Amino acid sequence: MLDRHVFNGPTMGTRWSVTAYVPVTVDRSMLQRALQAGVDQVDAHMSNWKADSALMRLNHAPVGEWTSVPADLFDVIAAGLDIGRRSEGAFDIGMGRLVAAWGFGPDGSLTDRRPDTRAVVPAHQMLELDEAGERIRKHGEVTLDLSGIAKGYGVDVLAGMAHAAGIAHFLAAIDGELSARGGKPDGSPWSIALEKPVEGRREAGAVIELIDGAIATSGDYRHFHDVEGQRVSHTMDPRTGLPVENGIASVTVKARCCMDADAWATALMVAGREAGESLAARAGIESLVLLRQ
């Protein structure tokens, strides 16, 4: 017998949820605690907002010295660098200084709006990874920011834990990043609303049906600043050192895991319409792009 149950809690400045059809043999209280602990660990390791996170310790580590990092952080950084190479630099986990400079960092202040020519050196050329020792060495000053991939990874953690608990039908989510296992017990898919890119209100523009796999959406209509009457996106373009401004309102990507969907949604958002279509085709990525017209 299966009962529908929603597990949820806080994480990364927002909330996570797992909507599941749970066997009666599963201890729901224990699973709730385990799911919360899972996303808490992701946040503790990968947050730019926690001064003592493992990521921040790596950011503050001296150039040229090896730094040991937790296994999950190592894996996410490795995946981010790989997608950075495959996306020809459109996705770059080394945008931390620019993100903060444009007012999207922990203190929320605009400090420098000039293009940063150092941003043309992608993170995958600045970092050296020692897989056997789970160590990372920086070859130049770089501030890592995993906001374009960590939530997707967090969803994968939730999904993995739900699956390990014996749950065959669930939908795990953190904001616009979601992962589904199976459909509903009656065979119907999970229905996921795709938001219209409208400021100030949440309105469904379409519905995506998902049975197995993950989707993630990157857009400019939730996290932005108004600077001198101009919309400033929280997504940085590594090629210019400036916030993205290319007419794309949002990109939704479907992939095998949510970490990949999250990173590729950002990459295609940065790449722009035509280059993004080519990137998606070469990478075998399913994507839906909404243009601001």
Protein backbone atom coordinates (compact mmCIF):
# COMPACT_ATOMS: atom_id res chain seq x y z
CA MET A 1 0.00 0.00 0.00
CA LEU A 2 1.23 3.48 -0.91
CA ASP A 3 0.34 6.78 0.75
CA ARG A 4 1.01 10.20 -0.78
CA HIS A 5 3.21 12.29 1.48
CA VAL A 6 5.13 15.56 1.08
CA PHE A 7 8.49 15.92 2.82
CA ASN A 8 9.93 19.46 2.91
CA GLY A 9 12.22 21.87 4.70
CA PRO A 10 14.56 24.86 4.30
CA THR A 11 17.76 24.90 2.28
CA MET A 12 19.97 27.35 0.37
CA GLY A 13 17.75 30.34 1.13
CA THR A 14 14.65 28.60 -0.19
CA ARG A 15 12.84 25.30 0.42
CA TRP A 16 13.16 21.72 -0.76
CA SER A 17 10.37 19.20 -1.19
CA VAL A 18 9.87 15.54 -2.06
CA THR A 19 6.35 14.56 -3.08
CA ALA A 20 6.24 10.79 -2.81
CA TYR A 21 4.02 7.74 -2.72
CA VAL A 22 5.45 6.07 0.34
CA PRO A 23 5.22 2.38 1.27
CA VAL A 24 3.72 1.88 4.72
CA THR A 25 6.98 0.21 5.79
CA VAL A 26 8.94 3.47 5.45
CA ASP A 27 9.53 5.47 8.64
CA ARG A 28 8.48 8.94 7.50
CA SER A 29 9.97 10.81 10.44
CA MET A 30 13.34 9.14 9.93
CA LEU A 31 13.27 9.83 6.19
CA GLN A 32 12.34 13.49 6.80
CA ARG A 33 15.38 13.87 9.05
CA ALA A 34 17.64 12.10 6.56
CA LEU A 35 16.48 14.24 3.63
CA GLN A 36 17.03 17.42 5.63
CA ALA A 37 20.49 16.26 6.68
CA GLY A 38 21.32 15.53 3.05
CA VAL A 39 20.55 19.02 1.78
CA ASP A 40 22.11 20.57 4.90
CA GLN A 41 25.38 18.89 4.00
CA VAL A 42 25.21 20.18 0.42
CA ASP A 43 24.65 23.69 1.75
CA ALA A 44 27.46 23.38 4.31
CA HIS A 45 29.89 22.27 1.63
CA MET A 46 28.88 24.44 -1.35
CA SER A 47 27.42 27.71 -0.05
CA ASN A 48 28.88 31.10 -0.94
CA TRP A 49 26.73 32.57 1.84
CA LYS A 50 28.28 30.59 4.70
CA ALA A 51 31.72 31.90 5.58
CA ASP A 52 32.79 28.52 6.96
CA SER A 53 31.60 26.37 4.05
CA ALA A 54 34.07 24.04 2.37
CA LEU A 55 33.72 26.06 -0.83
CA MET A 56 34.62 29.30 0.92
CA ARG A 57 37.65 27.66 2.50
CA LEU A 58 38.76 26.68 -1.00
CA ASN A 59 38.12 30.21 -2.26
CA HIS A 60 40.34 31.60 0.49
CA ALA A 61 43.09 29.01 0.02
CA PRO A 62 46.44 30.35 -1.30
CA VAL A 63 47.15 30.07 -5.01
CA GLY A 64 49.42 27.14 -5.79
CA GLU A 65 48.63 25.07 -2.70
CA TRP A 66 46.68 21.83 -2.73
CA THR A 67 43.43 21.96 -0.74
CA SER A 68 41.53 18.85 0.34
CA VAL A 69 37.77 19.11 -0.14
CA PRO A 70 34.77 16.87 0.67
CA ALA A 71 33.99 14.22 -1.92
CA ASP A 72 30.67 15.78 -2.95
CA LEU A 73 32.22 19.21 -3.45
CA PHE A 74 35.03 17.68 -5.50
CA ASP A 75 32.51 15.87 -7.73
CA VAL A 76 30.38 18.98 -8.30
CA ILE A 77 33.41 21.13 -9.14
CA ALA A 78 34.68 18.43 -11.52
CA ALA A 79 31.27 18.29 -13.21
CA GLY A 80 31.13 22.08 -13.43
CA LEU A 81 34.55 22.27 -15.06
CA ASP A 82 33.61 19.54 -17.54
CA ILE A 83 30.42 21.35 -18.57
CA GLY A 84 32.43 24.56 -18.75
CA ARG A 85 34.72 22.97 -21.32
CA ARG A 86 31.88 21.32 -23.24
CA SER A 87 29.89 24.57 -23.34
CA GLU A 88 32.93 26.48 -24.64
CA GLY A 89 33.02 28.63 -21.53
CA ALA A 90 29.32 29.61 -21.46
CA PHE A 91 29.05 27.88 -18.07
CA ASP A 92 31.77 28.94 -15.66
CA ILE A 93 31.92 28.24 -11.93
CA GLY A 94 34.59 30.94 -11.55
CA MET A 95 32.17 33.90 -11.64
CA GLY A 96 32.05 34.51 -7.88
CA ARG A 97 33.79 37.88 -7.92
CA LEU A 98 31.56 39.19 -10.70
CA VAL A 99 28.39 37.87 -9.09
CA ALA A 100 29.29 39.71 -5.89
CA ALA A 101 30.35 42.86 -7.74
CA TRP A 102 26.94 43.14 -9.35
CA GLY A 103 25.14 42.87 -6.03
CA PHE A 104 24.15 39.20 -6.03
CA GLY A 105 26.59 38.11 -3.34
CA PRO A 106 26.00 37.71 0.41
CA ASP A 107 26.14 41.45 1.18
CA GLY A 108 23.95 42.42 -1.79
CA SER A 109 25.92 45.58 -2.63
CA LEU A 110 27.00 46.81 -6.06
CA THR A 111 30.76 47.31 -5.88
CA ASP A 112 32.06 47.40 -9.45
CA ARG A 113 30.12 47.45 -12.70
CA ARG A 114 33.09 47.56 -15.07
CA PRO A 115 33.82 44.59 -17.32
CA ASP A 116 36.34 42.26 -15.73
CA THR A 117 38.88 41.18 -18.34
CA ARG A 118 40.13 38.44 -16.02
CA ALA A 119 36.80 36.67 -16.51
CA VAL A 120 37.93 35.55 -19.97
CA VAL A 121 40.18 33.00 -18.23
CA PRO A 122 37.72 30.18 -17.52
CA ALA A 123 37.76 28.22 -14.28
CA HIS A 124 38.65 25.00 -16.09
CA GLN A 125 41.99 26.62 -16.98
CA MET A 126 42.57 27.92 -13.45
CA LEU A 127 42.04 24.76 -11.42
CA GLU A 128 43.94 21.50 -11.19
CA LEU A 129 42.17 18.48 -9.75
CA ASP A 130 43.74 15.49 -8.01
CA GLU A 131 41.01 12.87 -8.25
CA ALA A 132 42.78 10.21 -6.19
CA GLY A 133 43.44 12.58 -3.30
CA GLU A 134 40.27 14.68 -3.70
CA ARG A 135 42.39 17.81 -3.72
CA ILE A 136 42.18 21.01 -5.76
CA ARG A 137 44.90 23.52 -6.59
CA LYS A 138 44.32 27.01 -7.95
CA HIS A 139 46.75 28.39 -10.54
CA GLY A 140 45.47 31.93 -10.26
CA GLU A 141 43.05 34.10 -8.32
CA VAL A 142 39.56 32.74 -8.85
CA THR A 143 36.40 32.89 -6.74
CA LEU A 144 34.18 29.90 -7.27
CA ASP A 145 30.39 30.19 -7.24
CA LEU A 146 28.30 27.02 -7.56
CA SER A 147 24.89 28.70 -7.63
CA GLY A 148 24.35 27.44 -11.19
CA ILE A 149 24.83 23.78 -10.27
CA ALA A 150 24.57 23.17 -6.50
CA LYS A 151 20.77 23.24 -6.28
CA GLY A 152 20.56 20.69 -9.06
CA TYR A 153 23.01 18.51 -7.21
CA GLY A 154 20.95 18.96 -4.04
CA VAL A 155 17.89 17.65 -5.91
CA ASP A 156 19.92 14.63 -7.01
CA VAL A 157 20.84 14.00 -3.37
CA LEU A 158 17.17 14.10 -2.38
CA ALA A 159 16.26 11.77 -5.25
CA GLY A 160 19.01 9.32 -4.37
CA MET A 161 17.93 9.16 -0.75
CA ALA A 162 14.26 8.67 -1.64
CA HIS A 163 15.19 5.88 -4.04
CA ALA A 164 17.44 4.24 -1.43
CA ALA A 165 14.51 4.29 1.00
CA GLY A 166 12.53 2.11 -1.38
CA ILE A 167 10.30 4.81 -2.87
CA ALA A 168 9.60 4.19 -6.55
CA HIS A 169 7.31 7.15 -7.29
CA PHE A 170 8.46 10.64 -6.27
CA LEU A 171 9.18 14.18 -7.42
CA ALA A 172 12.07 15.99 -5.70
CA ALA A 173 12.46 19.76 -6.03
CA ILE A 174 14.46 22.81 -4.99
CA ASP A 175 13.01 25.94 -6.63
CA GLY A 176 12.94 25.36 -10.41
CA GLU A 177 15.12 22.25 -10.28
CA LEU A 178 13.21 18.95 -10.19
CA SER A 179 13.85 15.23 -10.51
CA ALA A 180 11.26 12.51 -11.00
CA ARG A 181 11.46 8.78 -10.41
CA GLY A 182 8.79 6.88 -12.24
CA GLY A 183 5.39 8.47 -12.68
CA LYS A 184 2.50 8.27 -10.30
CA PRO A 185 1.37 4.81 -9.21
CA ASP A 186 -1.50 4.85 -11.73
CA GLY A 187 1.01 5.27 -14.56
CA SER A 188 0.34 8.97 -15.19
CA PRO A 189 3.29 11.36 -15.38
CA TRP A 190 4.17 14.13 -12.97
CA SER A 191 2.78 17.43 -14.24
CA ILE A 192 5.20 20.32 -13.81
CA ALA A 193 4.17 23.91 -14.47
CA LEU A 194 6.50 25.98 -16.63
CA GLU A 195 6.26 29.55 -15.40
CA LYS A 196 5.67 32.49 -17.66
CA PRO A 197 8.65 34.85 -17.32
CA VAL A 198 6.54 37.52 -15.60
CA GLU A 199 7.83 39.70 -12.78
CA GLY A 200 5.99 39.95 -9.48
CA ARG A 201 3.64 37.01 -9.85
CA ARG A 202 3.76 33.30 -10.53
CA GLU A 203 1.73 32.19 -13.53
CA ALA A 204 1.87 28.89 -15.41
CA GLY A 205 2.44 29.19 -19.13
CA ALA A 206 2.65 25.49 -20.00
CA VAL A 207 2.87 22.07 -18.42
CA ILE A 208 5.73 19.59 -18.81
CA GLU A 209 5.01 15.93 -18.15
CA LEU A 210 7.85 14.00 -16.55
CA ILE A 211 8.19 10.33 -15.65
CA ASP A 212 11.91 9.65 -15.31
CA GLY A 213 14.62 12.29 -15.47
CA ALA A 214 15.23 15.85 -14.34
CA ILE A 215 14.52 19.38 -15.47
CA ALA A 216 15.91 22.76 -14.46
CA THR A 217 15.08 26.32 -15.46
CA SER A 218 17.34 29.36 -15.58
CA GLY A 219 15.77 32.79 -16.09
CA ASP A 220 16.14 36.51 -15.54
CA TYR A 221 12.69 37.28 -14.10
CA ARG A 222 13.13 36.20 -10.44
CA HIS A 223 16.66 37.29 -9.49
CA PHE A 224 17.62 40.67 -10.93
CA HIS A 225 18.41 44.26 -10.01
CA ASP A 226 17.13 47.49 -11.49
CA VAL A 227 20.21 49.64 -12.10
CA GLU A 228 19.51 53.10 -13.49
CA GLY A 229 16.31 51.83 -15.08
CA GLN A 230 17.98 48.79 -16.64
CA ARG A 231 17.30 45.15 -15.74
CA VAL A 232 20.49 43.47 -14.51
CA SER A 233 20.43 39.67 -14.54
CA HIS A 234 22.05 37.58 -11.80
CA THR A 235 23.63 35.38 -14.52
CA MET A 236 27.07 36.56 -15.63
CA ASP A 237 28.49 36.20 -19.14
CA PRO A 238 32.10 35.01 -18.72
CA ARG A 239 32.95 36.33 -22.19
CA THR A 240 32.15 39.97 -21.38
CA GLY A 241 32.33 40.17 -17.60
CA LEU A 242 28.81 41.63 -17.64
CA PRO A 243 25.34 40.35 -16.73
CA VAL A 244 23.67 38.41 -19.53
CA GLU A 245 21.56 40.49 -21.89
CA ASN A 246 20.63 38.59 -25.04
CA GLY A 247 16.83 38.57 -25.24
CA ILE A 248 16.38 35.18 -23.58
CA ALA A 249 13.89 35.21 -20.69
CA SER A 250 14.37 31.61 -19.58
CA VAL A 251 15.81 28.25 -20.56
CA THR A 252 14.46 24.91 -19.36
CA VAL A 253 16.60 21.81 -19.82
CA LYS A 254 15.78 18.13 -19.44
CA ALA A 255 18.62 15.77 -18.57
CA ARG A 256 19.42 12.49 -16.88
CA CYS A 257 20.36 14.15 -13.60
CA CYS A 258 19.36 17.50 -12.16
CA MET A 259 22.93 18.70 -11.66
CA ASP A 260 23.51 18.50 -15.42
CA ALA A 261 20.14 20.09 -16.22
CA ASP A 262 20.89 22.97 -13.83
CA ALA A 263 24.32 23.73 -15.30
CA TRP A 264 23.22 23.37 -18.92
CA ALA A 265 20.24 25.67 -18.39
CA THR A 266 22.68 28.37 -17.27
CA ALA A 267 25.06 27.61 -20.15
CA LEU A 268 22.32 27.94 -22.77
CA MET A 269 21.03 31.10 -21.08
CA VAL A 270 24.48 32.63 -21.47
CA ALA A 271 25.19 31.31 -24.96
CA GLY A 272 22.20 32.98 -26.56
CA ARG A 273 19.63 31.67 -28.99
CA GLU A 274 21.66 30.54 -32.00
CA ALA A 275 24.83 29.47 -30.22
CA GLY A 276 22.72 27.81 -27.55
CA GLU A 277 20.83 25.77 -30.14
CA SER A 278 24.14 24.52 -31.56
CA LEU A 279 25.51 23.72 -28.10
CA ALA A 280 22.38 21.83 -27.13
CA ALA A 281 22.47 19.81 -30.34
CA ARG A 282 26.13 18.84 -29.90
CA ALA A 283 25.61 17.92 -26.25
CA GLY A 284 22.39 16.01 -26.88
CA ILE A 285 20.48 18.34 -24.56
CA GLU A 286 16.70 18.79 -24.71
CA SER A 287 15.88 22.44 -24.11
CA LEU A 288 13.03 24.92 -24.25
CA VAL A 289 13.94 28.59 -24.71
CA LEU A 290 11.55 31.48 -24.04
CA LEU A 291 12.48 34.74 -25.75
CA ARG A 292 11.70 38.20 -24.39
CA GLN A 293 9.97 39.93 -27.29
